[in-house]
Protein backbone atom coordinates (compact mmCIF):
# COMPACT_ATOMS: atom_id res chain seq x y z
CA UNK A 1 -24.47 16.75 -19.48
CA UNK A 2 -22.06 14.27 -17.90
CA UNK A 3 -21.98 14.23 -14.07
CA UNK A 4 -19.05 12.91 -11.87
CA UNK A 5 -19.58 10.76 -8.75
CA UNK A 6 -18.32 12.20 -5.45
CA UNK A 7 -15.89 9.59 -5.29
CA UNK A 8 -14.44 10.41 -8.83
CA UNK A 9 -14.23 14.11 -7.70
CA UNK A 10 -12.37 12.99 -4.72
CA UNK A 11 -9.85 10.99 -6.70
CA UNK A 12 -9.31 13.93 -9.14
CA UNK A 13 -8.78 16.47 -6.40
CA UNK A 14 -6.25 13.83 -4.68
CA UNK A 15 -4.35 13.42 -7.98
CA UNK A 16 -4.24 17.21 -8.33
CA UNK A 17 -2.80 17.53 -5.02
CA UNK A 18 -0.24 15.24 -5.33
CA UNK A 19 0.96 16.59 -8.84
CA UNK A 20 1.45 19.93 -6.91
CA UNK A 21 3.83 18.39 -4.33
CA UNK A 22 7.54 18.41 -4.86
CA UNK A 23 9.04 14.88 -5.49
CA UNK A 24 8.72 12.87 -2.50
CA UNK A 25 9.11 8.94 -3.09
CA UNK A 26 12.57 8.01 -4.45
CA UNK A 27 12.43 5.67 -7.50
CA UNK A 28 12.94 2.06 -6.53
CA UNK A 29 16.38 0.61 -6.85
CA UNK A 30 15.27 -1.46 -9.83
CA UNK A 31 13.10 -0.03 -12.35
CA UNK A 32 13.03 0.35 -16.17
CA UNK A 33 10.80 0.90 -19.26
CA UNK A 34 9.61 -2.13 -21.00
CA UNK A 35 10.55 -0.73 -24.22
CA UNK A 36 14.31 -0.78 -24.34
CA UNK A 37 14.54 1.78 -26.96
CA UNK A 38 12.61 4.38 -24.89
CA UNK A 39 14.44 6.36 -22.39
CA UNK A 40 13.20 6.39 -18.88
CA UNK A 41 12.31 10.09 -18.97
CA UNK A 42 10.12 9.29 -21.91
CA UNK A 43 8.61 6.07 -20.86
CA UNK A 44 4.73 5.95 -21.37
CA UNK A 45 4.79 9.23 -23.00
CA UNK A 46 6.31 7.98 -26.17
CA UNK A 47 5.91 4.16 -25.68
CA UNK A 48 6.62 1.54 -23.38
CA UNK A 49 5.60 0.93 -19.76
CA UNK A 50 6.94 1.89 -16.33
CA UNK A 51 8.26 -1.12 -14.62
CA UNK A 52 9.55 -1.86 -10.90
CA UNK A 53 10.67 -4.51 -8.69
CA UNK A 54 10.59 -3.36 -5.12
CA UNK A 55 11.50 -6.80 -4.07
CA UNK A 56 13.87 -9.24 -6.10
CA UNK A 57 11.83 -11.54 -8.64
CA UNK A 58 8.64 -9.52 -7.85
CA UNK A 59 7.82 -7.32 -10.73
CA UNK A 60 4.91 -4.79 -11.01
CA UNK A 61 4.23 -1.91 -13.16
CA UNK A 62 4.96 1.53 -11.75
CA UNK A 63 2.19 3.99 -10.89
CA UNK A 64 2.21 7.26 -12.53
CA UNK A 65 2.02 9.27 -9.41
CA UNK A 66 4.95 7.28 -7.75
CA UNK A 67 7.17 10.64 -7.82
CA UNK A 68 4.68 12.91 -6.53
CA UNK A 69 3.64 10.76 -3.45
CA UNK A 70 4.69 12.56 -0.43
CA UNK A 71 6.55 10.63 2.19
CA UNK A 72 5.33 10.12 5.43
CA UNK A 73 6.97 13.07 8.08
CA UNK A 74 7.53 11.47 11.53
CA UNK A 75 5.20 13.13 14.25
CA UNK A 76 7.04 11.93 17.30
CA UNK A 77 10.98 11.60 16.47
CA UNK A 78 11.48 10.80 20.21
CA UNK A 79 9.13 7.93 20.05
CA UNK A 80 9.73 4.17 19.20
CA UNK A 81 8.88 3.38 15.68
CA UNK A 82 6.85 0.32 15.24
CA UNK A 83 6.15 -0.92 11.75
CA UNK A 84 3.40 -2.20 9.86
CA UNK A 85 3.84 -4.28 6.74
CA UNK A 86 1.33 -2.58 4.31
CA UNK A 87 0.74 -4.13 0.66
CA UNK A 88 -1.05 -1.48 -1.45
CA UNK A 89 -3.00 -1.59 -4.82
CA UNK A 90 -0.86 0.66 -6.48
CA UNK A 91 -1.67 -0.67 -9.62
CA UNK A 92 -3.81 -3.63 -11.25
CA UNK A 93 -7.60 -4.14 -11.51
CA UNK A 94 -8.19 -1.71 -8.50
CA UNK A 95 -5.54 0.72 -8.47
CA UNK A 96 -6.46 2.82 -5.51
CA UNK A 97 -3.22 2.86 -3.78
CA UNK A 98 -2.73 6.83 -4.14
CA UNK A 99 -5.92 7.37 -2.05
CA UNK A 100 -5.27 4.59 0.33
CA UNK A 101 -1.64 5.70 0.99
CA UNK A 102 -2.82 9.32 1.48
CA UNK A 103 -5.68 8.29 3.70
CA UNK A 104 -3.33 5.99 5.53
CA UNK A 105 -0.85 8.69 6.24
CA UNK A 106 -3.46 11.26 7.51
CA UNK A 107 -4.66 8.60 9.93
CA UNK A 108 -0.92 7.87 11.14
CA UNK A 109 -0.30 11.56 11.37
CA UNK A 110 -3.21 12.02 13.83
CA UNK A 111 -2.56 8.71 15.70
CA UNK A 112 1.33 9.44 16.11
CA UNK A 113 0.92 13.30 17.05
CA UNK A 114 -2.14 12.67 19.77
CA UNK A 115 -0.12 10.10 21.57
CA UNK A 116 -2.73 8.81 23.29
CA UNK A 117 -3.67 5.62 21.46
CA UNK A 118 0.01 4.37 21.64
CA UNK A 119 1.99 6.38 24.04
CA UNK A 120 5.55 6.45 23.37
CA UNK A 121 5.38 4.70 20.20
CA UNK A 122 4.98 6.00 16.39
CA UNK A 123 2.90 3.76 14.09
CA UNK A 124 4.61 3.55 10.43
CA UNK A 125 3.55 1.71 7.28
CA UNK A 126 6.17 -0.02 4.83
CA UNK A 127 4.56 -0.10 1.50
CA UNK A 128 4.83 -2.70 -1.19
CA UNK A 129 2.65 -2.69 -4.64
CA UNK A 130 0.78 -5.90 -4.51
CA UNK A 131 -0.99 -4.83 -8.01
CA UNK A 132 -4.26 -6.09 -6.51
CA UNK A 133 -2.98 -9.67 -7.36
CA UNK A 134 -3.18 -12.41 -5.16
CA UNK A 135 -0.04 -14.13 -6.05
CA UNK A 136 1.93 -10.99 -5.79
CA UNK A 137 0.77 -10.26 -2.28
CA UNK A 138 1.20 -13.60 -1.04
CA UNK A 139 5.03 -13.45 -2.43
CA UNK A 140 5.62 -10.02 -0.89
CA UNK A 141 4.40 -11.35 2.67
CA UNK A 142 6.44 -14.61 2.45
CA UNK A 143 9.50 -12.80 1.15
CA UNK A 144 9.53 -9.67 3.40
CA UNK A 145 8.64 -11.80 6.79
CA UNK A 146 11.18 -14.48 5.86
CA UNK A 147 13.89 -11.62 5.32
CA UNK A 148 12.67 -9.77 8.62
CA UNK A 149 10.50 -12.12 10.88
CA UNK A 150 10.79 -9.75 13.87
CA UNK A 151 10.53 -6.23 12.38
CA UNK A 152 6.68 -5.74 11.64
CA UNK A 153 3.85 -5.98 14.42
CA UNK A 154 0.88 -6.01 11.93
CA UNK A 155 0.00 -6.31 8.30
CA UNK A 156 -2.36 -3.36 6.93
CA UNK A 157 -3.68 -1.54 3.90
CA UNK A 158 -4.80 -4.26 1.57
CA UNK A 159 -8.24 -3.54 -0.06
CA UNK A 160 -8.58 -6.04 -2.95
CA UNK A 161 -10.48 -8.98 -1.65
CA UNK A 162 -8.41 -11.60 -3.33
CA UNK A 163 -5.23 -10.46 -2.17
CA UNK A 164 -6.69 -9.87 1.23
CA UNK A 165 -8.01 -13.47 1.47
CA UNK A 166 -4.31 -14.86 0.89
CA UNK A 167 -2.88 -12.56 3.34
CA UNK A 168 -5.74 -13.56 5.95
CA UNK A 169 -4.81 -17.23 5.39
CA UNK A 170 -1.12 -16.59 6.11
CA UNK A 171 -1.36 -14.10 8.93
CA UNK A 172 -2.25 -16.67 11.68
CA UNK A 173 0.88 -18.70 10.48
CA UNK A 174 3.04 -15.63 11.08
CA UNK A 175 1.16 -14.62 14.27
CA UNK A 176 0.44 -10.97 12.88
CA UNK A 177 -2.99 -9.19 12.92
CA UNK A 178 -4.25 -8.08 9.74
CA UNK A 179 -6.56 -4.95 9.20
CA UNK A 180 -7.78 -4.34 5.72
CA UNK A 181 -9.23 -1.04 4.65
CA UNK A 182 -11.90 -1.99 2.12
CA UNK A 183 -11.71 -6.00 1.40
CA UNK A 184 -15.49 -6.47 1.04
CA UNK A 185 -15.76 -10.24 0.25
CA UNK A 186 -18.39 -11.83 2.76
CA UNK A 187 -16.27 -14.79 3.23
CA UNK A 188 -13.45 -13.12 4.98
CA UNK A 189 -16.15 -12.87 7.93
CA UNK A 190 -15.50 -16.28 8.86
CA UNK A 191 -13.67 -16.23 12.21
CA UNK A 192 -12.85 -19.73 12.29
CA UNK A 193 -10.96 -19.53 8.79
CA UNK A 194 -9.79 -15.95 9.35
CA UNK A 195 -9.03 -15.74 12.89
CA UNK A 196 -6.62 -12.68 12.42
CA UNK A 197 -8.39 -10.60 9.88
CA UNK A 198 -10.15 -7.53 10.57
CA UNK A 199 -11.73 -4.63 8.39
CA UNK A 200 -13.05 -1.20 8.77
CA UNK A 201 -15.66 -1.91 5.76
CA UNK A 202 -18.46 -4.73 6.60
CA UNK A 203 -19.81 -6.18 3.52
């Protein structure tokens, strides 16, 4: 008799919940099927892989849950929004972006609804798929920050240690704090090398 670990059951329940929701996230402006002979609606079902470029020149695969991920609903419309840049592991070697996004959205809803941690402000995430890839994560940070140098107050979300290390090396140069959810690489505890890096999980 096969037994599922609690984390596997949690992942299944989250995915089931996502599929029950109405479509929420819009498709990226640039998306295509890797097999040009397969229509987008049939991509991956009859052949090909769903691809996307959220930023020009940065190509990743599109996660299967994309159109079913609920958008964040603002909890304090009269508050001033402050934006975090949130590279997410939506695909790649550790593709837990669905749980990271849902968990992050739940915490943002609580924080912004209570209004005691950041009174008068609403903390929000702008997500990009870093595909758990160091080069992709670094390119996302450099591209977005160079285009919008004063838009973001922090970097968050990233769970893979490789991308987290690359971002942690860059964050002091762009003067942004960086909070990771699950990056477990012990080297990231070096406060001299990574002064702007923090995490909720201690290795």
